[in-house]
Amino acid sequence: MPSQSLPKVLMFDIGGVCDLFLGSDASRVLQVVSPFQAILDYEIQHGIPKGYINYSIRELTPNGAWHKLERGEIPNDANYFRMFKADLERPDLWAKFHREKHNTANPPPVPDIDAETLYWTMMSMSRSPDPYMYPALKKLKASGKFKLAALSNTTLFPEGHEFNKIGPDDVRHFFEIFVSSAHVGMRKPNRDIYEYALNEIRHRWGQDIRCEDIVFLDDIGENLKTARSLGIRTIRVFLGRTQEAVKELEKVTGLSLLDEGEPKAKL
C-alpha cells in the first residue's frame, strides 16, 4: 500500500473495528471493542469449544436468525432469541463442528447456550471505545484530508432501549455516510451492499471516485474478499490487534494516528 496513491475515502466496519452497535436509528460502528471478544469470553466461561458459536452462525448463512436480524427482516424480540438459541444448539451443527475441528464422531452433549445473555453481552462490550482505533478516527476526522464512511452489519435495538441513545462521543458522529445492513436489507459479505455503499459514496462525494480510491477496514476475511473483488483496497483488523491496523492506516494516510508514547509503525 505505501507505493499506492492516497485514498480519498476511508470506509470502516463498526463491530470489531470501531465496535459500537447502533440502535433503531443506525447500526454498529467500528472503532470499539470487538463483539467477537464477548463470544470468545462466553465460550471460555461456559466450557464451549472456542470458535463454535461463530462456526454455527457462519454455517447457517444466509438464513439463520442472526442473518435475518442483521438484514432487518425480523424484530429484535423474544422470538428472535428463541430462534437464535435454536440455531446455536442444532445437534447437526454441533456434530459437524466436532468432526471438522476435533476429528471426533462422538461429541459431548450439545451445550445449553443463553442466546439472550450472549447477545446483550456482545452489544454491551461493543459500546466501549477501542483504545487505538477510536483516537485514530478522531485524528482522521480532524485532519479533514479523507472522507469517512461506515459499512457495517448491524442489528436494531427494541424501541426505547437505552442503547438507542446517541451520546456526544458516539462514533457515528464521525461518518458522513453510514450504511447499516439492518436498514438497507442487505448484509456483508454479499456484493449488493458494497455496491449500495459505492453508490452512496459517489452520489455524495463525486462520480469520479474509483474503487481503488477507497480503503476498507473489517475484521472478517470474507467481507474483505468481496471488497477486493470490486477493486477496493483493504486492511484486516484482527481481534485484539487494532493497534496493528492503526499502524497500517498510518502507512496508507501518511498521518500519525497513534497517541504519543505508543510504538510507531515500522516502515
C-alpha atoms as a PDB file:
ATOM      1  CA  MET A   1       0.000   0.000   0.000  1.00  0.00           C
ATOM      2  CA  PRO A   2       2.775   2.547   0.690  1.00  0.00           C
ATOM      3  CA  SER A   3       3.516   2.751  -3.051  1.00  0.00           C
ATOM      4  CA  GLN A   4      -0.119   3.469  -3.914  1.00  0.00           C
ATOM      5  CA  SER A   5      -1.732   6.883  -4.074  1.00  0.00           C
ATOM      6  CA  LEU A   6      -3.501   8.357  -1.096  1.00  0.00           C
ATOM      7  CA  PRO A   7      -7.072   7.138  -0.739  1.00  0.00           C
ATOM      8  CA  LYS A   8      -9.960   9.565  -0.950  1.00  0.00           C
ATOM      9  CA  VAL A   9     -12.331   7.562   1.233  1.00  0.00           C
ATOM     10  CA  LEU A  10     -11.727   5.508   4.364  1.00  0.00           C
ATOM     11  CA  MET A  11     -14.591   3.097   4.988  1.00  0.00           C
ATOM     12  CA  PHE A  12     -14.919   1.289   8.307  1.00  0.00           C
ATOM     13  CA  ASP A  13     -16.762  -1.681   9.627  1.00  0.00           C
ATOM     14  CA  ILE A  14     -18.112  -0.959  13.080  1.00  0.00           C
ATOM     15  CA  GLY A  15     -18.284  -4.159  15.093  1.00  0.00           C
ATOM     16  CA  GLY A  16     -14.751  -5.483  15.507  1.00  0.00           C
ATOM     17  CA  VAL A  17     -13.086  -2.389  14.094  1.00  0.00           C
ATOM     18  CA  CYS A  18     -14.643   0.589  15.807  1.00  0.00           C
ATOM     19  CA  ASP A  19     -17.187  -1.537  17.627  1.00  0.00           C
ATOM     20  CA  LEU A  20     -20.361   0.197  18.555  1.00  0.00           C
ATOM     21  CA  PHE A  21     -23.678  -1.473  17.871  1.00  0.00           C
ATOM     22  CA  LEU A  22     -26.284   1.056  16.989  1.00  0.00           C
ATOM     23  CA  GLY A  23     -29.938   1.058  17.685  1.00  0.00           C
ATOM     24  CA  SER A  24     -33.072   1.722  15.685  1.00  0.00           C
ATOM     25  CA  ASP A  25     -31.616   4.820  14.058  1.00  0.00           C
ATOM     26  CA  ALA A  26     -28.381   3.203  12.916  1.00  0.00           C
ATOM     27  CA  SER A  27     -26.291   0.087  13.277  1.00  0.00           C
ATOM     28  CA  ARG A  28     -22.993  -0.726  14.789  1.00  0.00           C
ATOM     29  CA  VAL A  29     -19.923   1.366  14.350  1.00  0.00           C
ATOM     30  CA  LEU A  30     -16.287   0.457  14.071  1.00  0.00           C
ATOM     31  CA  GLN A  31     -13.709   1.860  16.435  1.00  0.00           C
ATOM     32  CA  VAL A  32     -14.808  -0.002  19.544  1.00  0.00           C
ATOM     33  CA  VAL A  33     -14.088  -3.279  21.336  1.00  0.00           C
ATOM     34  CA  SER A  34     -14.957  -6.293  19.211  1.00  0.00           C
ATOM     35  CA  PRO A  35     -18.163  -8.249  19.915  1.00  0.00           C
ATOM     36  CA  PHE A  36     -16.168 -11.326  18.947  1.00  0.00           C
ATOM     37  CA  GLN A  37     -14.309 -10.915  22.217  1.00  0.00           C
ATOM     38  CA  ALA A  38     -17.633 -11.298  24.023  1.00  0.00           C
ATOM     39  CA  ILE A  39     -18.285 -14.533  22.125  1.00  0.00           C
ATOM     40  CA  LEU A  40     -14.851 -15.891  22.998  1.00  0.00           C
ATOM     41  CA  ASP A  41     -15.286 -14.944  26.651  1.00  0.00           C
ATOM     42  CA  TYR A  42     -18.684 -16.660  26.747  1.00  0.00           C
ATOM     43  CA  GLU A  43     -17.243 -19.842  25.245  1.00  0.00           C
ATOM     44  CA  ILE A  44     -14.400 -19.921  27.759  1.00  0.00           C
ATOM     45  CA  GLN A  45     -16.672 -19.224  30.728  1.00  0.00           C
ATOM     46  CA  HIS A  46     -19.153 -21.949  29.762  1.00  0.00           C
ATOM     47  CA  GLY A  47     -16.749 -24.635  28.559  1.00  0.00           C
ATOM     48  CA  ILE A  48     -17.819 -24.356  24.929  1.00  0.00           C
ATOM     49  CA  PRO A  49     -15.102 -25.140  22.353  1.00  0.00           C
ATOM     50  CA  LYS A  50     -13.528 -21.948  21.076  1.00  0.00           C
ATOM     51  CA  GLY A  51     -14.919 -20.921  17.712  1.00  0.00           C
ATOM     52  CA  TYR A  52     -18.101 -22.978  17.881  1.00  0.00           C
ATOM     53  CA  ILE A  53     -20.555 -20.072  18.122  1.00  0.00           C
ATOM     54  CA  ASN A  54     -19.088 -18.218  15.141  1.00  0.00           C
ATOM     55  CA  TYR A  55     -18.895 -21.523  13.263  1.00  0.00           C
ATOM     56  CA  SER A  56     -22.594 -22.197  13.773  1.00  0.00           C
ATOM     57  CA  ILE A  57     -23.533 -18.690  12.681  1.00  0.00           C
ATOM     58  CA  ARG A  58     -21.452 -18.978   9.512  1.00  0.00           C
ATOM     59  CA  GLU A  59     -22.859 -22.403   8.684  1.00  0.00           C
ATOM     60  CA  LEU A  60     -26.395 -21.026   8.674  1.00  0.00           C
ATOM     61  CA  THR A  61     -25.621 -18.173   6.295  1.00  0.00           C
ATOM     62  CA  PRO A  62     -27.751 -16.599   4.867  1.00  0.00           C
ATOM     63  CA  ASN A  63     -30.901 -17.879   6.561  1.00  0.00           C
ATOM     64  CA  GLY A  64     -30.039 -18.105  10.258  1.00  0.00           C
ATOM     65  CA  ALA A  65     -31.776 -15.966  12.845  1.00  0.00           C
ATOM     66  CA  TRP A  66     -28.649 -13.808  13.204  1.00  0.00           C
ATOM     67  CA  HIS A  67     -28.541 -13.057   9.486  1.00  0.00           C
ATOM     68  CA  LYS A  68     -32.245 -12.237   9.329  1.00  0.00           C
ATOM     69  CA  LEU A  69     -31.828  -9.848  12.262  1.00  0.00           C
ATOM     70  CA  GLU A  70     -28.891  -8.131  10.558  1.00  0.00           C
ATOM     71  CA  ARG A  71     -30.971  -7.658   7.411  1.00  0.00           C
ATOM     72  CA  GLY A  72     -33.788  -6.182   9.456  1.00  0.00           C
ATOM     73  CA  GLU A  73     -36.166  -8.971   8.404  1.00  0.00           C
ATOM     74  CA  ILE A  74     -37.216  -9.937  11.937  1.00  0.00           C
ATOM     75  CA  PRO A  75     -37.688  -7.846  15.082  1.00  0.00           C
ATOM     76  CA  ASN A  76     -35.286  -7.922  17.987  1.00  0.00           C
ATOM     77  CA  ASP A  77     -37.624  -9.618  20.436  1.00  0.00           C
ATOM     78  CA  ALA A  78     -38.160 -12.793  22.475  1.00  0.00           C
ATOM     79  CA  ASN A  79     -38.954 -14.805  19.360  1.00  0.00           C
ATOM     80  CA  TYR A  80     -35.611 -13.822  17.833  1.00  0.00           C
ATOM     81  CA  PHE A  81     -33.775 -15.059  20.909  1.00  0.00           C
ATOM     82  CA  ARG A  82     -35.642 -18.376  20.742  1.00  0.00           C
ATOM     83  CA  MET A  83     -34.648 -18.722  17.081  1.00  0.00           C
ATOM     84  CA  PHE A  84     -31.048 -17.730  17.749  1.00  0.00           C
ATOM     85  CA  LYS A  85     -30.781 -20.212  20.629  1.00  0.00           C
ATOM     86  CA  ALA A  86     -32.212 -22.988  18.452  1.00  0.00           C
ATOM     87  CA  ASP A  87     -29.647 -22.204  15.754  1.00  0.00           C
ATOM     88  CA  LEU A  88     -26.734 -22.341  18.200  1.00  0.00           C
ATOM     89  CA  GLU A  89     -27.917 -25.616  19.699  1.00  0.00           C
ATOM     90  CA  ARG A  90     -28.548 -27.548  16.479  1.00  0.00           C
ATOM     91  CA  PRO A  91     -27.247 -31.108  17.011  1.00  0.00           C
ATOM     92  CA  ASP A  92     -26.219 -31.440  13.360  1.00  0.00           C
ATOM     93  CA  LEU A  93     -24.005 -28.338  13.511  1.00  0.00           C
ATOM     94  CA  TRP A  94     -22.541 -29.392  16.859  1.00  0.00           C
ATOM     95  CA  ALA A  95     -21.648 -32.805  15.431  1.00  0.00           C
ATOM     96  CA  LYS A  96     -20.264 -31.316  12.207  1.00  0.00           C
ATOM     97  CA  PHE A  97     -18.083 -28.865  14.152  1.00  0.00           C
ATOM     98  CA  HIS A  98     -16.544 -31.689  16.190  1.00  0.00           C
ATOM     99  CA  ARG A  99     -15.937 -33.808  13.092  1.00  0.00           C
ATOM    100  CA  GLU A 100     -14.220 -30.985  11.247  1.00  0.00           C
ATOM    101  CA  LYS A 101     -12.390 -29.247  14.101  1.00  0.00           C
ATOM    102  CA  HIS A 102     -11.722 -32.058  16.576  1.00  0.00           C
ATOM    103  CA  ASN A 103     -11.821 -35.146  14.351  1.00  0.00           C
ATOM    104  CA  THR A 104     -14.330 -36.941  16.527  1.00  0.00           C
ATOM    105  CA  ALA A 105     -17.658 -38.570  15.722  1.00  0.00           C
ATOM    106  CA  ASN A 106     -18.685 -38.742  19.381  1.00  0.00           C
ATOM    107  CA  PRO A 107     -19.016 -35.184  20.663  1.00  0.00           C
ATOM    108  CA  PRO A 108     -20.200 -34.317  24.162  1.00  0.00           C
ATOM    109  CA  PRO A 109     -23.828 -33.247  24.655  1.00  0.00           C
ATOM    110  CA  VAL A 110     -24.901 -30.016  22.955  1.00  0.00           C
ATOM    111  CA  PRO A 111     -24.400 -27.147  25.439  1.00  0.00           C
ATOM    112  CA  ASP A 112     -27.221 -25.013  26.781  1.00  0.00           C
ATOM    113  CA  ILE A 113     -26.496 -21.561  25.322  1.00  0.00           C
ATOM    114  CA  ASP A 114     -28.180 -18.478  26.757  1.00  0.00           C
ATOM    115  CA  ALA A 115     -28.571 -16.644  23.457  1.00  0.00           C
ATOM    116  CA  GLU A 116     -30.143 -13.571  25.014  1.00  0.00           C
ATOM    117  CA  THR A 117     -27.342 -13.090  27.550  1.00  0.00           C
ATOM    118  CA  LEU A 118     -24.757 -13.698  24.840  1.00  0.00           C
ATOM    119  CA  TYR A 119     -26.331 -11.130  22.515  1.00  0.00           C
ATOM    120  CA  TRP A 120     -26.595  -8.373  25.109  1.00  0.00           C
ATOM    121  CA  THR A 121     -23.068  -9.047  26.341  1.00  0.00           C
ATOM    122  CA  MET A 122     -21.864  -8.594  22.768  1.00  0.00           C
ATOM    123  CA  MET A 123     -23.788  -5.356  22.440  1.00  0.00           C
ATOM    124  CA  SER A 124     -22.523  -4.012  25.759  1.00  0.00           C
ATOM    125  CA  MET A 125     -18.895  -4.830  25.049  1.00  0.00           C
ATOM    126  CA  SER A 126     -19.043  -3.270  21.603  1.00  0.00           C
ATOM    127  CA  ARG A 127     -20.056   0.064  23.091  1.00  0.00           C
ATOM    128  CA  SER A 128     -16.620   0.509  24.664  1.00  0.00           C
ATOM    129  CA  PRO A 129     -14.302   2.677  22.514  1.00  0.00           C
ATOM    130  CA  ASP A 130     -11.253   0.858  21.207  1.00  0.00           C
ATOM    131  CA  PRO A 131      -8.141   2.441  22.788  1.00  0.00           C
ATOM    132  CA  TYR A 132      -6.299   2.645  19.463  1.00  0.00           C
ATOM    133  CA  MET A 133      -8.909   2.889  16.728  1.00  0.00           C
ATOM    134  CA  TYR A 134     -11.178   5.460  18.344  1.00  0.00           C
ATOM    135  CA  PRO A 135      -8.417   8.093  18.861  1.00  0.00           C
ATOM    136  CA  ALA A 136      -7.198   7.390  15.326  1.00  0.00           C
ATOM    137  CA  LEU A 137     -10.656   8.030  13.964  1.00  0.00           C
ATOM    138  CA  LYS A 138     -10.802  11.351  15.798  1.00  0.00           C
ATOM    139  CA  LYS A 139      -7.495  12.372  14.246  1.00  0.00           C
ATOM    140  CA  LEU A 140      -8.613  11.328  10.779  1.00  0.00           C
ATOM    141  CA  LYS A 141     -11.765  13.389  11.139  1.00  0.00           C
ATOM    142  CA  ALA A 142      -9.864  16.404  12.447  1.00  0.00           C
ATOM    143  CA  SER A 143      -7.359  16.260   9.578  1.00  0.00           C
ATOM    144  CA  GLY A 144     -10.085  16.853   7.003  1.00  0.00           C
ATOM    145  CA  LYS A 145      -7.985  15.012   4.427  1.00  0.00           C
ATOM    146  CA  PHE A 146     -10.212  11.986   3.927  1.00  0.00           C
ATOM    147  CA  LYS A 147     -13.887  11.239   3.540  1.00  0.00           C
ATOM    148  CA  LEU A 148     -15.099   8.861   6.242  1.00  0.00           C
ATOM    149  CA  ALA A 149     -17.790   6.248   5.694  1.00  0.00           C
ATOM    150  CA  ALA A 150     -19.045   3.205   7.559  1.00  0.00           C
ATOM    151  CA  LEU A 151     -20.312  -0.089   6.151  1.00  0.00           C
ATOM    152  CA  SER A 152     -21.457  -2.471   8.846  1.00  0.00           C
ATOM    153  CA  ASN A 153     -23.665  -5.440   9.525  1.00  0.00           C
ATOM    154  CA  THR A 154     -25.980  -4.184  12.223  1.00  0.00           C
ATOM    155  CA  THR A 155     -28.871  -5.057  14.469  1.00  0.00           C
ATOM    156  CA  LEU A 156     -31.694  -2.831  15.660  1.00  0.00           C
ATOM    157  CA  PHE A 157     -32.463  -2.427  19.324  1.00  0.00           C
ATOM    158  CA  PRO A 158     -36.010  -2.526  20.667  1.00  0.00           C
ATOM    159  CA  GLU A 159     -37.814   0.811  20.763  1.00  0.00           C
ATOM    160  CA  GLY A 160     -36.973   2.740  23.903  1.00  0.00           C
ATOM    161  CA  HIS A 161     -33.841   0.740  24.696  1.00  0.00           C
ATOM    162  CA  GLU A 162     -31.029   2.779  26.245  1.00  0.00           C
ATOM    163  CA  PHE A 163     -28.596   1.683  23.544  1.00  0.00           C
ATOM    164  CA  ASN A 164     -30.590   3.740  21.031  1.00  0.00           C
ATOM    165  CA  LYS A 165     -29.323   6.941  22.636  1.00  0.00           C
ATOM    166  CA  ILE A 166     -26.543   8.747  20.786  1.00  0.00           C
ATOM    167  CA  GLY A 167     -24.095  10.458  23.121  1.00  0.00           C
ATOM    168  CA  PRO A 168     -21.617  13.221  22.269  1.00  0.00           C
ATOM    169  CA  ASP A 169     -18.737  10.726  21.931  1.00  0.00           C
ATOM    170  CA  ASP A 170     -20.652   8.282  19.751  1.00  0.00           C
ATOM    171  CA  VAL A 171     -18.548   7.193  16.776  1.00  0.00           C
ATOM    172  CA  ARG A 172     -21.489   7.726  14.473  1.00  0.00           C
ATOM    173  CA  HIS A 173     -20.696  11.433  14.575  1.00  0.00           C
ATOM    174  CA  PHE A 174     -17.509  10.789  12.586  1.00  0.00           C
ATOM    175  CA  PHE A 175     -19.197   9.376   9.485  1.00  0.00           C
ATOM    176  CA  GLU A 176     -20.956  11.324   6.778  1.00  0.00           C
ATOM    177  CA  ILE A 177     -22.142   8.055   5.222  1.00  0.00           C
ATOM    178  CA  PHE A 178     -23.278   5.136   7.338  1.00  0.00           C
ATOM    179  CA  VAL A 179     -24.567   2.059   5.557  1.00  0.00           C
ATOM    180  CA  SER A 180     -26.345  -0.169   8.069  1.00  0.00           C
ATOM    181  CA  SER A 181     -27.355  -3.670   6.982  1.00  0.00           C
ATOM    182  CA  ALA A 182     -30.487  -3.716   9.133  1.00  0.00           C
ATOM    183  CA  HIS A 183     -31.705  -0.516   7.472  1.00  0.00           C
ATOM    184  CA  VAL A 184     -30.950  -1.353   3.838  1.00  0.00           C
ATOM    185  CA  GLY A 185     -31.975  -5.036   3.953  1.00  0.00           C
ATOM    186  CA  MET A 186     -28.600  -6.338   2.774  1.00  0.00           C
ATOM    187  CA  ARG A 187     -25.561  -7.610   4.648  1.00  0.00           C
ATOM    188  CA  LYS A 188     -21.907  -8.332   4.112  1.00  0.00           C
ATOM    189  CA  PRO A 189     -20.317 -10.260   2.512  1.00  0.00           C
ATOM    190  CA  ASN A 190     -22.965 -10.052  -0.253  1.00  0.00           C
ATOM    191  CA  ARG A 191     -21.850  -7.860  -3.128  1.00  0.00           C
ATOM    192  CA  ASP A 192     -25.082  -5.851  -3.259  1.00  0.00           C
ATOM    193  CA  ILE A 193     -24.429  -3.934  -0.027  1.00  0.00           C
ATOM    194  CA  TYR A 194     -20.959  -2.917  -1.231  1.00  0.00           C
ATOM    195  CA  GLU A 195     -22.438  -1.653  -4.482  1.00  0.00           C
ATOM    196  CA  TYR A 196     -25.025   0.236  -2.467  1.00  0.00           C
ATOM    197  CA  ALA A 197     -22.251   1.836  -0.408  1.00  0.00           C
ATOM    198  CA  LEU A 198     -20.318   2.743  -3.565  1.00  0.00           C
ATOM    199  CA  ASN A 199     -23.393   4.444  -4.996  1.00  0.00           C
ATOM    200  CA  GLU A 200     -23.818   6.427  -1.784  1.00  0.00           C
ATOM    201  CA  ILE A 201     -20.161   7.465  -1.823  1.00  0.00           C
ATOM    202  CA  ARG A 202     -20.243   8.603  -5.442  1.00  0.00           C
ATOM    203  CA  HIS A 203     -23.551  10.379  -5.049  1.00  0.00           C
ATOM    204  CA  ARG A 204     -22.206  12.408  -2.113  1.00  0.00           C
ATOM    205  CA  TRP A 205     -18.553  12.849  -2.973  1.00  0.00           C
ATOM    206  CA  GLY A 206     -18.250  12.554  -6.752  1.00  0.00           C
ATOM    207  CA  GLN A 207     -18.854  10.078  -9.554  1.00  0.00           C
ATOM    208  CA  ASP A 208     -15.118  10.113 -10.288  1.00  0.00           C
ATOM    209  CA  ILE A 209     -14.316   8.179  -7.108  1.00  0.00           C
ATOM    210  CA  ARG A 210     -12.916   4.798  -8.104  1.00  0.00           C
ATOM    211  CA  CYS A 211     -12.901   1.620  -6.050  1.00  0.00           C
ATOM    212  CA  GLU A 212      -9.133   1.884  -5.695  1.00  0.00           C
ATOM    213  CA  ASP A 213      -9.631   5.313  -4.094  1.00  0.00           C
ATOM    214  CA  ILE A 214     -11.280   3.591  -1.117  1.00  0.00           C
ATOM    215  CA  VAL A 215      -9.659   1.718   1.764  1.00  0.00           C
ATOM    216  CA  PHE A 216     -11.975  -0.555   3.738  1.00  0.00           C
ATOM    217  CA  LEU A 217     -11.252  -1.882   7.233  1.00  0.00           C
ATOM    218  CA  ASP A 218     -13.005  -5.003   8.506  1.00  0.00           C
ATOM    219  CA  ASP A 219     -12.280  -7.841  10.900  1.00  0.00           C
ATOM    220  CA  ILE A 220     -13.759 -10.637   8.772  1.00  0.00           C
ATOM    221  CA  GLY A 221     -11.790 -12.054   5.857  1.00  0.00           C
ATOM    222  CA  GLU A 222     -14.875 -12.899   3.801  1.00  0.00           C
ATOM    223  CA  ASN A 223     -16.044  -9.298   3.971  1.00  0.00           C
ATOM    224  CA  LEU A 224     -12.657  -8.075   2.796  1.00  0.00           C
ATOM    225  CA  LYS A 225     -12.611 -10.604  -0.026  1.00  0.00           C
ATOM    226  CA  THR A 226     -15.776  -9.135  -1.517  1.00  0.00           C
ATOM    227  CA  ALA A 227     -14.350  -5.637  -1.231  1.00  0.00           C
ATOM    228  CA  ARG A 228     -11.151  -6.674  -3.012  1.00  0.00           C
ATOM    229  CA  SER A 229     -13.156  -8.319  -5.778  1.00  0.00           C
ATOM    230  CA  LEU A 230     -14.570  -4.877  -6.531  1.00  0.00           C
ATOM    231  CA  GLY A 231     -11.124  -3.281  -6.515  1.00  0.00           C
ATOM    232  CA  ILE A 232     -11.412  -1.706  -3.069  1.00  0.00           C
ATOM    233  CA  ARG A 233      -8.209  -1.670  -1.007  1.00  0.00           C
ATOM    234  CA  THR A 234      -8.447  -3.378   2.378  1.00  0.00           C
ATOM    235  CA  ILE A 235      -6.968  -3.607   5.859  1.00  0.00           C
ATOM    236  CA  ARG A 236      -7.716  -6.610   8.078  1.00  0.00           C
ATOM    237  CA  VAL A 237      -8.390  -5.809  11.734  1.00  0.00           C
ATOM    238  CA  PHE A 238      -7.550  -8.852  13.835  1.00  0.00           C
ATOM    239  CA  LEU A 239      -9.149  -9.494  17.219  1.00  0.00           C
ATOM    240  CA  GLY A 240      -7.134  -7.803  19.950  1.00  0.00           C
ATOM    241  CA  ARG A 241      -4.742  -6.260  17.416  1.00  0.00           C
ATOM    242  CA  THR A 242      -6.348  -2.949  16.469  1.00  0.00           C
ATOM    243  CA  GLN A 243      -3.044  -1.193  17.122  1.00  0.00           C
ATOM    244  CA  GLU A 244      -1.576  -3.039  14.129  1.00  0.00           C
ATOM    245  CA  ALA A 245      -4.465  -1.881  11.954  1.00  0.00           C
ATOM    246  CA  VAL A 246      -3.868   1.715  13.036  1.00  0.00           C
ATOM    247  CA  LYS A 247      -0.230   1.331  12.004  1.00  0.00           C
ATOM    248  CA  GLU A 248      -1.436   0.198   8.579  1.00  0.00           C
ATOM    249  CA  LEU A 249      -3.661   3.277   8.451  1.00  0.00           C
ATOM    250  CA  GLU A 250      -0.629   5.431   9.209  1.00  0.00           C
ATOM    251  CA  LYS A 251       1.157   3.952   6.208  1.00  0.00           C
ATOM    252  CA  VAL A 252      -1.870   4.461   3.970  1.00  0.00           C
ATOM    253  CA  THR A 253      -2.688   8.014   5.049  1.00  0.00           C
ATOM    254  CA  GLY A 254       0.735   9.408   5.920  1.00  0.00           C
ATOM    255  CA  LEU A 255      -0.680  10.655   9.232  1.00  0.00           C
ATOM    256  CA  SER A 256       0.475   9.995  12.792  1.00  0.00           C
ATOM    257  CA  LEU A 257      -2.554   8.285  14.316  1.00  0.00           C
ATOM    258  CA  LEU A 258      -1.254   6.557  17.425  1.00  0.00           C
ATOM    259  CA  ASP A 259      -1.223   8.584  20.620  1.00  0.00           C
ATOM    260  CA  GLU A 260       2.123   9.904  21.760  1.00  0.00           C
ATOM    261  CA  GLY A 261       4.106   7.295  23.587  1.00  0.00           C
ATOM    262  CA  GLU A 262       2.664   4.419  21.576  1.00  0.00           C
ATOM    263  CA  PRO A 263       5.064   2.397  19.403  1.00  0.00           C
ATOM    264  CA  LYS A 264       5.064   3.726  15.863  1.00  0.00           C
ATOM    265  CA  ALA A 265       4.675   1.744  12.701  1.00  0.00           C
ATOM    266  CA  LYS A 266       7.895   0.421  11.211  1.00  0.00           C
ATOM    267  CA  LEU A 267       8.054   1.466   7.568  1.00  0.00           C
END
